[in-house]
Amino acid sequence: MKLAIGCDHGGFDMKEELVAYLREGGHDVTDFGSYDKNSIDYPDYVFPVAEGVARGEFNRGIVICTTGIGVSIAANKVHGIRCALVTDEYSAKMTREHNDTNMLAMGANVTTTVRAKGIVDIWLGAPFSHGERHQRRIDKISAYEKQH
């Protein structure tokens, strides 16, 4: 799978481990930074990831900060993005099955790297259910987004 990943300084260590893990798993990963632990503004790294996913250059994107909150808010400002902040395996599965999310946000101080790997595996492996009610809800979100 072709993936984009980005983080701020708070998510740097987790991002580095996930990039290596995903590449070892055979994924094509583009790392948008940050590239060290110097303090930066997360939107500068999240927007390029989200825009690449929205344009279809990547199948999905992953963004990480200290809590996952800021990066998820920023990613969801990009038209066509459905980014979920996930802290557990069940939510990872459900956000794909019910919401067809194309981006995943995580917090490095909220989720261990070991758990993050499990979350990512489940999120990447879980298909969208194509359930009528779930598709209807996604369509309503997309229609609203296009109007505003």
Foldseek 3Di string as FASTA:
>chain_A
DEEEEEEFLQCQVLRVVVVVVVVVVPYRYDYQDDPHNPGDDRLVRLVVRLVCCQVVVGQAYEYEHQAQVVSQVSSVVDQPADEDEDAAQVCLQCCAQQVVGRYYTYHPNRHPSVRVNNSVVNNVPHHHNVDPVSVVVNVVVNVVSVVD
